[in-house]
Amino acid sequence: MTVTTLVIIAFVVLLTGVSKSGFAGALGVFAVPLLLLVMPPVAAIGLMLPVLIVADIFSLKSYWRQWHTQQLKRLLPGLLTGVLIAHALIGWLDAEVIKTAIAILCIVFAIRSLAFSQFTANAINSRIGAASMGFLVGTTSTLIHAGGPPLIMYFSSIKLPAKQFVATVAIIFAMMNAIKLIGFISLGLIEVKWALIALASLPIAFLGNRLGIWLQGKLNTTQFLNVMNFLLLLLGIWLLAM
């Protein structure tokens, strides 16, 4: 493994730690493309999941029980239903169309939220609205590995405070990544060397975790939501360009 490869892996681990603990995983979409610069797709995917799980552990420890329990309960039924239906229809649904639709939705939502800071989508702050957004998260996470944008849109629209925002996203994706791990192991995508690299990167992941928490602590709720909407805009543009 070359020095360049090791440097990029270290940066991805740091970026993932910062993203998970500070900005609800919004920067995570850039991780795999960076790994693809130095390794084949299967290897990048096989390495990324253990790295995500390491970051999940630190994030959960940092935000333990700070998540919004009511919102979590509202989202989970739709989320699990979305995962199951997406798996059942995976051969029938056009992932490219879904990715484009999510990208456009991200861009429109972000521009509206940034231009009209008082914008609040009260219609989705209900059990039905949360179930619908949870379904979208489960579907997009399964089909195009982009469950983050719908969650960011949902929590931004109801103006969830920063710590609850990050903590609730952290526990949702920790659960989803644990489920994915079972599938990845059964498919032989998780090699021992990737797990060992993830373990060796624990100090870097911890540094990323601390840096993310520090950065988030510098922002008040309004500033944090503005940052999240700006990242959402970047995510939308990125998804369109992919």
Protein backbone atom coordinates (compact mmCIF):
# COMPACT_ATOMS: atom_id res chain seq x y z
CA MET A 1 0.00 0.00 0.00
CA THR A 2 1.54 3.32 -1.12
CA VAL A 3 2.06 6.43 1.00
CA THR A 4 -0.52 8.26 -1.15
CA THR A 5 -3.11 5.57 -0.44
CA LEU A 6 -2.43 5.73 3.30
CA VAL A 7 -2.68 9.54 3.32
CA ILE A 8 -6.03 9.49 1.48
CA ILE A 9 -7.39 6.78 3.79
CA ALA A 10 -6.30 8.83 6.82
CA PHE A 11 -7.98 11.94 5.40
CA VAL A 12 -11.19 10.00 4.68
CA VAL A 13 -11.24 8.68 8.25
CA LEU A 14 -10.71 12.21 9.61
CA LEU A 15 -13.39 13.64 7.29
CA THR A 16 -15.84 10.91 8.31
CA GLY A 17 -15.24 11.60 12.01
CA VAL A 18 -15.77 15.34 11.57
CA SER A 19 -18.83 14.77 9.40
CA LYS A 20 -20.53 12.32 11.75
CA SER A 21 -19.91 14.19 14.99
CA GLY A 22 -20.28 17.74 13.73
CA PHE A 23 -22.51 17.82 10.70
CA ALA A 24 -24.81 14.78 10.75
CA GLY A 25 -22.76 12.89 8.17
CA ALA A 26 -23.33 15.52 5.46
CA LEU A 27 -19.72 15.35 4.26
CA GLY A 28 -19.72 11.56 4.02
CA VAL A 29 -20.83 11.57 0.37
CA PHE A 30 -17.31 12.70 -0.59
CA ALA A 31 -15.55 9.82 1.20
CA VAL A 32 -15.98 6.97 -1.30
CA PRO A 33 -15.06 9.10 -4.36
CA LEU A 34 -11.82 10.01 -2.58
CA LEU A 35 -11.05 6.34 -1.90
CA LEU A 36 -11.77 5.54 -5.55
CA LEU A 37 -8.75 7.66 -6.47
CA VAL A 38 -6.46 5.02 -4.97
CA MET A 39 -8.39 1.73 -4.91
CA PRO A 40 -11.01 -0.23 -6.90
CA PRO A 41 -14.75 0.20 -6.11
CA VAL A 42 -15.21 -3.10 -4.23
CA ALA A 43 -12.23 -2.35 -2.00
CA ALA A 44 -13.42 1.22 -1.36
CA ILE A 45 -16.87 -0.01 -0.32
CA GLY A 46 -15.37 -2.79 1.78
CA LEU A 47 -13.16 -0.33 3.66
CA MET A 48 -15.74 2.44 4.01
CA LEU A 49 -18.29 0.50 6.06
CA PRO A 50 -15.85 -0.42 8.88
CA VAL A 51 -14.66 3.22 8.92
CA LEU A 52 -18.27 4.41 9.20
CA ILE A 53 -18.94 2.00 12.05
CA VAL A 54 -15.85 3.23 13.93
CA ALA A 55 -17.08 6.81 13.48
CA ASP A 56 -20.58 5.72 14.57
CA ILE A 57 -19.19 4.35 17.84
CA PHE A 58 -17.46 7.62 18.69
CA SER A 59 -20.51 9.69 17.68
CA LEU A 60 -22.90 7.58 19.75
CA LYS A 61 -20.58 7.84 22.75
CA SER A 62 -20.36 11.62 22.34
CA TYR A 63 -24.11 12.13 21.93
CA TRP A 64 -25.48 9.23 24.00
CA ARG A 65 -29.18 9.75 24.79
CA GLN A 66 -29.14 13.28 23.39
CA TRP A 67 -31.21 12.21 20.38
CA HIS A 68 -34.83 13.29 19.98
CA THR A 69 -36.67 10.17 21.08
CA GLN A 70 -40.06 11.24 19.73
CA GLN A 71 -38.65 12.02 16.27
CA LEU A 72 -36.71 8.76 16.29
CA LYS A 73 -39.88 6.79 17.03
CA ARG A 74 -41.72 8.68 14.29
CA LEU A 75 -39.03 8.02 11.66
CA LEU A 76 -38.20 4.36 12.31
CA PRO A 77 -41.40 2.69 10.97
CA GLY A 78 -41.18 4.51 7.64
CA LEU A 79 -37.43 4.01 7.45
CA LEU A 80 -37.61 0.24 7.95
CA THR A 81 -40.52 -0.01 5.50
CA GLY A 82 -38.50 1.96 2.94
CA VAL A 83 -35.52 -0.39 3.29
CA LEU A 84 -37.69 -3.50 2.86
CA ILE A 85 -39.65 -2.16 -0.12
CA ALA A 86 -36.50 -0.86 -1.81
CA HIS A 87 -34.90 -4.31 -1.49
CA ALA A 88 -38.04 -5.94 -2.92
CA LEU A 89 -38.21 -3.54 -5.88
CA ILE A 90 -34.50 -3.04 -6.43
CA GLY A 91 -34.65 -4.48 -9.95
CA TRP A 92 -37.70 -2.43 -10.92
CA LEU A 93 -36.76 1.05 -9.75
CA ASP A 94 -34.46 3.33 -11.74
CA ALA A 95 -31.75 4.44 -9.33
CA GLU A 96 -30.60 7.24 -11.65
CA VAL A 97 -34.06 8.79 -11.74
CA ILE A 98 -34.30 8.62 -7.95
CA LYS A 99 -30.83 10.15 -7.55
CA THR A 100 -31.73 13.04 -9.89
CA ALA A 101 -35.02 13.66 -8.10
CA ILE A 102 -33.30 13.73 -4.69
CA ALA A 103 -30.59 16.03 -6.02
CA ILE A 104 -33.13 18.53 -7.37
CA LEU A 105 -35.12 18.34 -4.13
CA CYS A 106 -31.93 19.04 -2.12
CA ILE A 107 -31.07 22.08 -4.24
CA VAL A 108 -34.58 23.55 -4.18
CA PHE A 109 -34.98 22.97 -0.44
CA ALA A 110 -31.55 24.40 0.39
CA ILE A 111 -32.02 27.53 -1.71
CA ARG A 112 -35.46 28.14 -0.23
CA SER A 113 -34.19 27.63 3.33
CA LEU A 114 -31.14 29.84 2.83
CA ALA A 115 -33.12 32.58 1.06
CA PHE A 116 -36.01 32.46 3.52
CA SER A 117 -34.47 31.72 6.90
CA GLN A 118 -37.87 31.68 8.64
CA PHE A 119 -39.07 28.86 6.39
CA THR A 120 -40.50 25.94 8.39
CA ALA A 121 -42.25 22.97 6.82
CA ASN A 122 -44.88 22.43 9.51
CA ALA A 123 -46.74 19.93 7.33
CA ILE A 124 -44.07 17.25 7.78
CA ASN A 125 -43.65 17.78 11.52
CA SER A 126 -46.25 15.12 12.25
CA ARG A 127 -46.42 11.33 12.50
CA ILE A 128 -47.47 11.00 8.86
CA GLY A 129 -44.86 13.51 7.69
CA ALA A 130 -42.10 11.81 9.69
CA ALA A 131 -43.14 8.36 8.44
CA SER A 132 -43.04 9.65 4.86
CA MET A 133 -39.59 11.18 5.31
CA GLY A 134 -38.39 8.01 7.06
CA PHE A 135 -39.62 5.99 4.09
CA LEU A 136 -37.66 8.29 1.77
CA VAL A 137 -34.53 7.86 3.92
CA GLY A 138 -34.82 4.06 3.88
CA THR A 139 -35.47 3.94 0.14
CA THR A 140 -32.70 6.30 -0.92
CA SER A 141 -30.19 4.80 1.50
CA THR A 142 -30.83 1.34 0.06
CA LEU A 143 -30.96 2.26 -3.62
CA ILE A 144 -28.42 5.06 -4.02
CA HIS A 145 -26.63 5.16 -0.62
CA ALA A 146 -27.87 8.71 -0.04
CA GLY A 147 -30.14 8.55 2.99
CA GLY A 148 -28.51 11.60 4.55
CA PRO A 149 -30.08 14.37 2.42
CA PRO A 150 -33.72 13.51 3.31
CA LEU A 151 -32.81 13.44 7.01
CA ILE A 152 -31.03 16.78 6.74
CA MET A 153 -34.05 18.26 4.94
CA TYR A 154 -36.42 16.90 7.57
CA PHE A 155 -34.50 18.02 10.67
CA SER A 156 -33.62 21.38 9.10
CA SER A 157 -37.27 22.05 8.23
CA ILE A 158 -38.43 21.43 11.81
CA LYS A 159 -35.39 23.36 13.12
CA LEU A 160 -34.16 20.63 15.44
CA PRO A 161 -31.41 21.94 17.78
CA ALA A 162 -27.86 21.07 16.70
CA LYS A 163 -27.03 18.41 19.31
CA GLN A 164 -30.35 16.61 18.89
CA PHE A 165 -30.00 16.94 15.11
CA VAL A 166 -26.59 15.24 15.04
CA ALA A 167 -27.40 12.71 17.77
CA THR A 168 -30.62 11.52 16.11
CA VAL A 169 -28.95 11.15 12.72
CA ALA A 170 -26.06 9.31 14.42
CA ILE A 171 -28.21 6.63 16.03
CA ILE A 172 -30.29 6.13 12.88
CA PHE A 173 -27.27 5.52 10.68
CA ALA A 174 -25.49 3.47 13.33
CA MET A 175 -28.45 1.06 13.24
CA MET A 176 -28.53 1.05 9.44
CA ASN A 177 -24.78 0.46 9.16
CA ALA A 178 -25.01 -2.44 11.63
CA ILE A 179 -27.65 -4.02 9.38
CA LYS A 180 -25.50 -3.36 6.31
CA LEU A 181 -22.52 -5.01 8.02
CA ILE A 182 -24.39 -8.31 8.20
CA GLY A 183 -25.13 -8.15 4.47
CA PHE A 184 -21.58 -7.10 3.55
CA ILE A 185 -20.06 -9.96 5.56
CA SER A 186 -22.43 -12.46 3.93
CA LEU A 187 -21.38 -11.17 0.49
CA GLY A 188 -17.69 -11.36 1.36
CA LEU A 189 -17.14 -7.62 0.93
CA ILE A 190 -15.52 -7.11 4.35
CA GLU A 191 -11.98 -8.44 4.28
CA VAL A 192 -9.87 -8.82 7.42
CA LYS A 193 -7.37 -6.23 6.17
CA TRP A 194 -10.08 -3.55 5.87
CA ALA A 195 -11.28 -4.25 9.40
CA LEU A 196 -7.68 -4.01 10.65
CA ILE A 197 -7.14 -0.70 8.84
CA ALA A 198 -10.34 0.64 10.41
CA LEU A 199 -9.12 -0.42 13.86
CA ALA A 200 -5.68 1.11 13.22
CA SER A 201 -7.38 4.38 12.29
CA LEU A 202 -9.10 4.71 15.68
CA PRO A 203 -6.87 7.63 16.82
CA ILE A 204 -7.61 9.55 13.60
CA ALA A 205 -11.34 8.82 13.92
CA PHE A 206 -11.24 10.06 17.52
CA LEU A 207 -9.46 13.24 16.40
CA GLY A 208 -12.13 13.78 13.73
CA ASN A 209 -14.84 13.23 16.33
CA ARG A 210 -13.36 15.83 18.68
CA LEU A 211 -12.83 18.30 15.82
CA GLY A 212 -16.41 17.88 14.62
CA ILE A 213 -17.83 18.47 18.11
CA TRP A 214 -15.59 21.53 18.53
CA LEU A 215 -16.67 23.02 15.19
CA GLN A 216 -20.35 22.41 15.92
CA GLY A 217 -19.96 24.00 19.36
CA LYS A 218 -18.84 27.23 17.69
CA LEU A 219 -22.22 27.61 15.96
CA ASN A 220 -25.56 28.66 17.39
CA THR A 221 -28.71 26.91 16.15
CA THR A 222 -29.35 29.38 13.32
CA GLN A 223 -25.74 29.21 12.10
CA PHE A 224 -25.73 25.42 12.33
CA LEU A 225 -28.92 25.12 10.26
CA ASN A 226 -27.50 27.53 7.68
CA VAL A 227 -24.35 25.40 7.42
CA MET A 228 -26.46 22.24 7.06
CA ASN A 229 -28.53 23.82 4.29
CA PHE A 230 -25.38 24.98 2.50
CA LEU A 231 -24.00 21.42 2.73
CA LEU A 232 -27.35 20.16 1.46
CA LEU A 233 -26.97 22.45 -1.57
CA LEU A 234 -23.49 21.01 -2.20
CA LEU A 235 -24.87 17.47 -1.82
CA GLY A 236 -27.57 18.18 -4.39
CA ILE A 237 -25.05 19.56 -6.88
CA TRP A 238 -22.74 16.61 -6.22
CA LEU A 239 -25.51 14.06 -6.79
CA LEU A 240 -26.42 15.72 -10.08
CA ALA A 241 -22.79 15.66 -11.20
CA MET A 242 -22.19 11.99 -10.30
